[in-house]
Amino acid sequence: MAVIATAKDTIMVVTYQTGLTPEGSPKLSQRSFPNVKSAALDQDLYDVANAFYGLQDYPLISVRRDNRIDLAE
């Protein structure tokens, strides 16, 4: 039997820098934003993250999209 993949949801995960370690390396943190529509465009997610973190004191390092998919027979 073939497996059927059904899009469940999408989570936007951002990595940002909160400071420096005593050695001078960047101290990074991550934040997840659930309940993103699966149909949202990649460019839109990236633009939203940039706009949001443009208002913060911490610089944005990366934006990741995690798609969750249900698999069934």
N, C-alpha and C. Protein backbone atom coordinates (compact mmCIF):
# COMPACT_ATOMS: atom_id res chain seq x y z
N MET A 1 0.83 -1.18 0.00
CA MET A 1 0.00 0.00 0.00
C MET A 1 0.88 1.25 0.00
N ALA A 2 0.45 2.26 -0.70
CA ALA A 2 1.20 3.51 -0.78
C ALA A 2 0.97 4.35 0.47
N VAL A 3 1.99 5.06 0.85
CA VAL A 3 1.90 5.97 2.00
C VAL A 3 1.35 7.31 1.52
N ILE A 4 0.42 7.86 2.28
CA ILE A 4 -0.17 9.15 1.95
C ILE A 4 0.39 10.19 2.92
N ALA A 5 0.95 11.24 2.38
CA ALA A 5 1.51 12.33 3.19
C ALA A 5 0.52 13.50 3.21
N THR A 6 0.20 13.95 4.42
CA THR A 6 -0.72 15.06 4.59
C THR A 6 -0.03 16.14 5.41
N ALA A 7 0.04 17.36 4.86
CA ALA A 7 0.67 18.46 5.58
C ALA A 7 -0.11 18.75 6.86
N LYS A 8 0.60 18.82 7.98
CA LYS A 8 -0.04 19.04 9.27
C LYS A 8 0.09 20.51 9.68
N ASP A 9 1.29 20.96 9.90
CA ASP A 9 1.52 22.35 10.26
C ASP A 9 2.97 22.73 9.99
N THR A 10 3.25 23.98 10.17
CA THR A 10 4.60 24.51 9.95
C THR A 10 5.01 25.31 11.18
N ILE A 11 6.28 25.21 11.52
CA ILE A 11 6.84 25.97 12.63
C ILE A 11 8.00 26.80 12.10
N MET A 12 8.02 28.08 12.44
CA MET A 12 9.15 28.94 12.08
C MET A 12 10.09 28.98 13.29
N VAL A 13 11.36 28.64 13.06
CA VAL A 13 12.36 28.63 14.12
C VAL A 13 13.41 29.67 13.78
N VAL A 14 13.63 30.60 14.69
CA VAL A 14 14.63 31.65 14.46
C VAL A 14 15.77 31.48 15.46
N THR A 15 16.96 31.77 15.00
CA THR A 15 18.15 31.78 15.85
C THR A 15 18.64 33.21 15.91
N TYR A 16 18.93 33.67 17.12
CA TYR A 16 19.39 35.04 17.31
C TYR A 16 20.52 35.08 18.33
N GLN A 17 21.30 36.13 18.27
CA GLN A 17 22.46 36.27 19.16
C GLN A 17 22.10 37.11 20.36
N THR A 18 22.34 36.57 21.57
CA THR A 18 21.98 37.28 22.80
C THR A 18 23.17 37.93 23.47
N GLY A 19 24.34 37.73 22.94
CA GLY A 19 25.54 38.31 23.53
C GLY A 19 26.77 37.51 23.14
N LEU A 20 27.79 37.65 23.98
CA LEU A 20 29.05 36.95 23.75
C LEU A 20 29.44 36.16 24.99
N THR A 21 30.11 35.03 24.77
CA THR A 21 30.64 34.26 25.89
C THR A 21 31.90 34.97 26.39
N PRO A 22 32.41 34.58 27.56
CA PRO A 22 33.66 35.18 28.05
C PRO A 22 34.84 35.01 27.09
N GLU A 23 34.77 33.96 26.24
CA GLU A 23 35.83 33.72 25.26
C GLU A 23 35.64 34.56 24.00
N GLY A 24 34.51 35.23 23.88
CA GLY A 24 34.25 36.06 22.72
C GLY A 24 33.42 35.41 21.62
N SER A 25 32.98 34.18 21.85
CA SER A 25 32.13 33.50 20.88
C SER A 25 30.69 34.00 21.02
N PRO A 26 29.93 33.96 19.93
CA PRO A 26 28.53 34.40 20.03
C PRO A 26 27.69 33.44 20.88
N LYS A 27 26.82 34.01 21.70
CA LYS A 27 25.88 33.23 22.49
C LYS A 27 24.55 33.26 21.74
N LEU A 28 24.10 32.07 21.28
CA LEU A 28 22.92 31.98 20.44
C LEU A 28 21.73 31.39 21.19
N SER A 29 20.55 31.84 20.84
CA SER A 29 19.30 31.30 21.36
C SER A 29 18.36 31.04 20.20
N GLN A 30 17.38 30.16 20.44
CA GLN A 30 16.37 29.86 19.42
C GLN A 30 14.99 30.11 19.98
N ARG A 31 14.10 30.46 19.09
CA ARG A 31 12.69 30.65 19.45
C ARG A 31 11.85 30.03 18.36
N SER A 32 10.83 29.28 18.75
CA SER A 32 9.92 28.65 17.80
C SER A 32 8.60 29.39 17.77
N PHE A 33 8.06 29.55 16.58
CA PHE A 33 6.76 30.18 16.37
C PHE A 33 5.86 29.15 15.70
N PRO A 34 4.99 28.47 16.47
CA PRO A 34 4.12 27.45 15.89
C PRO A 34 2.91 28.05 15.20
N ASN A 35 2.09 27.19 14.64
CA ASN A 35 0.82 27.56 14.01
C ASN A 35 0.98 28.44 12.78
N VAL A 36 2.07 28.25 12.05
CA VAL A 36 2.25 28.95 10.78
C VAL A 36 1.50 28.16 9.71
N LYS A 37 0.79 28.84 8.85
CA LYS A 37 0.05 28.15 7.80
C LYS A 37 1.02 27.43 6.87
N SER A 38 0.69 26.20 6.53
CA SER A 38 1.54 25.41 5.64
C SER A 38 1.68 26.04 4.27
N ALA A 39 0.68 26.82 3.86
CA ALA A 39 0.69 27.45 2.54
C ALA A 39 1.52 28.73 2.50
N ALA A 40 2.03 29.18 3.65
CA ALA A 40 2.83 30.41 3.68
C ALA A 40 4.08 30.23 2.84
N LEU A 41 4.43 31.27 2.10
CA LEU A 41 5.62 31.23 1.25
C LEU A 41 6.88 31.37 2.09
N ASP A 42 7.96 30.75 1.62
CA ASP A 42 9.25 30.85 2.31
C ASP A 42 9.69 32.30 2.45
N GLN A 43 9.53 33.07 1.39
CA GLN A 43 9.93 34.47 1.42
C GLN A 43 9.14 35.25 2.48
N ASP A 44 7.86 34.93 2.61
CA ASP A 44 7.02 35.60 3.61
C ASP A 44 7.50 35.29 5.03
N LEU A 45 7.83 34.03 5.30
CA LEU A 45 8.36 33.67 6.62
C LEU A 45 9.64 34.42 6.92
N TYR A 46 10.52 34.47 5.93
CA TYR A 46 11.80 35.16 6.11
C TYR A 46 11.58 36.65 6.35
N ASP A 47 10.67 37.25 5.60
CA ASP A 47 10.39 38.68 5.75
C ASP A 47 9.79 38.99 7.12
N VAL A 48 8.90 38.14 7.59
CA VAL A 48 8.28 38.35 8.91
C VAL A 48 9.35 38.26 10.00
N ALA A 49 10.21 37.26 9.93
CA ALA A 49 11.27 37.11 10.94
C ALA A 49 12.20 38.32 10.92
N ASN A 50 12.58 38.79 9.75
CA ASN A 50 13.45 39.96 9.66
C ASN A 50 12.77 41.21 10.22
N ALA A 51 11.49 41.38 9.91
CA ALA A 51 10.76 42.55 10.42
C ALA A 51 10.64 42.50 11.94
N PHE A 52 10.31 41.33 12.47
CA PHE A 52 10.14 41.18 13.91
C PHE A 52 11.45 41.40 14.65
N TYR A 53 12.52 40.77 14.18
CA TYR A 53 13.80 40.91 14.88
C TYR A 53 14.49 42.24 14.57
N GLY A 54 14.01 42.95 13.58
CA GLY A 54 14.48 44.32 13.36
C GLY A 54 14.04 45.25 14.48
N LEU A 55 12.98 44.85 15.21
CA LEU A 55 12.47 45.63 16.33
C LEU A 55 13.11 45.23 17.66
N GLN A 56 13.88 44.15 17.65
CA GLN A 56 14.50 43.62 18.87
C GLN A 56 15.92 44.14 19.03
N ASP A 57 16.46 43.94 20.23
CA ASP A 57 17.85 44.31 20.50
C ASP A 57 18.82 43.25 20.01
N TYR A 58 18.33 42.04 19.74
CA TYR A 58 19.19 40.94 19.36
C TYR A 58 19.19 40.74 17.85
N PRO A 59 20.38 40.58 17.26
CA PRO A 59 20.44 40.37 15.80
C PRO A 59 19.98 38.96 15.41
N LEU A 60 19.28 38.89 14.30
CA LEU A 60 18.80 37.63 13.75
C LEU A 60 19.95 36.92 13.04
N ILE A 61 20.13 35.64 13.35
CA ILE A 61 21.21 34.87 12.75
C ILE A 61 20.67 33.98 11.63
N SER A 62 19.55 33.27 11.87
CA SER A 62 19.01 32.40 10.84
C SER A 62 17.51 32.18 11.05
N VAL A 63 16.86 31.77 9.96
CA VAL A 63 15.44 31.45 9.97
C VAL A 63 15.30 30.05 9.37
N ARG A 64 14.55 29.18 10.08
CA ARG A 64 14.35 27.82 9.60
C ARG A 64 12.85 27.52 9.56
N ARG A 65 12.47 26.75 8.58
CA ARG A 65 11.07 26.33 8.44
C ARG A 65 11.02 24.83 8.70
N ASP A 66 10.21 24.43 9.69
CA ASP A 66 10.01 23.01 9.98
C ASP A 66 8.59 22.65 9.59
N ASN A 67 8.47 21.82 8.55
CA ASN A 67 7.16 21.34 8.10
C ASN A 67 6.89 19.99 8.75
N ARG A 68 5.72 19.86 9.33
CA ARG A 68 5.32 18.58 9.92
C ARG A 68 4.30 17.94 9.00
N ILE A 69 4.52 16.67 8.76
CA ILE A 69 3.68 15.93 7.81
C ILE A 69 3.25 14.62 8.44
N ASP A 70 1.96 14.34 8.39
CA ASP A 70 1.43 13.06 8.86
C ASP A 70 1.55 12.03 7.73
N LEU A 71 2.03 10.86 8.07
CA LEU A 71 2.14 9.76 7.11
C LEU A 71 1.16 8.66 7.51
N ALA A 72 0.41 8.16 6.53
CA ALA A 72 -0.56 7.09 6.79
C ALA A 72 -0.69 6.21 5.56
N GLU A 73 -1.21 5.02 5.77
CA GLU A 73 -1.46 4.12 4.64
C GLU A 73 -2.83 4.36 4.07
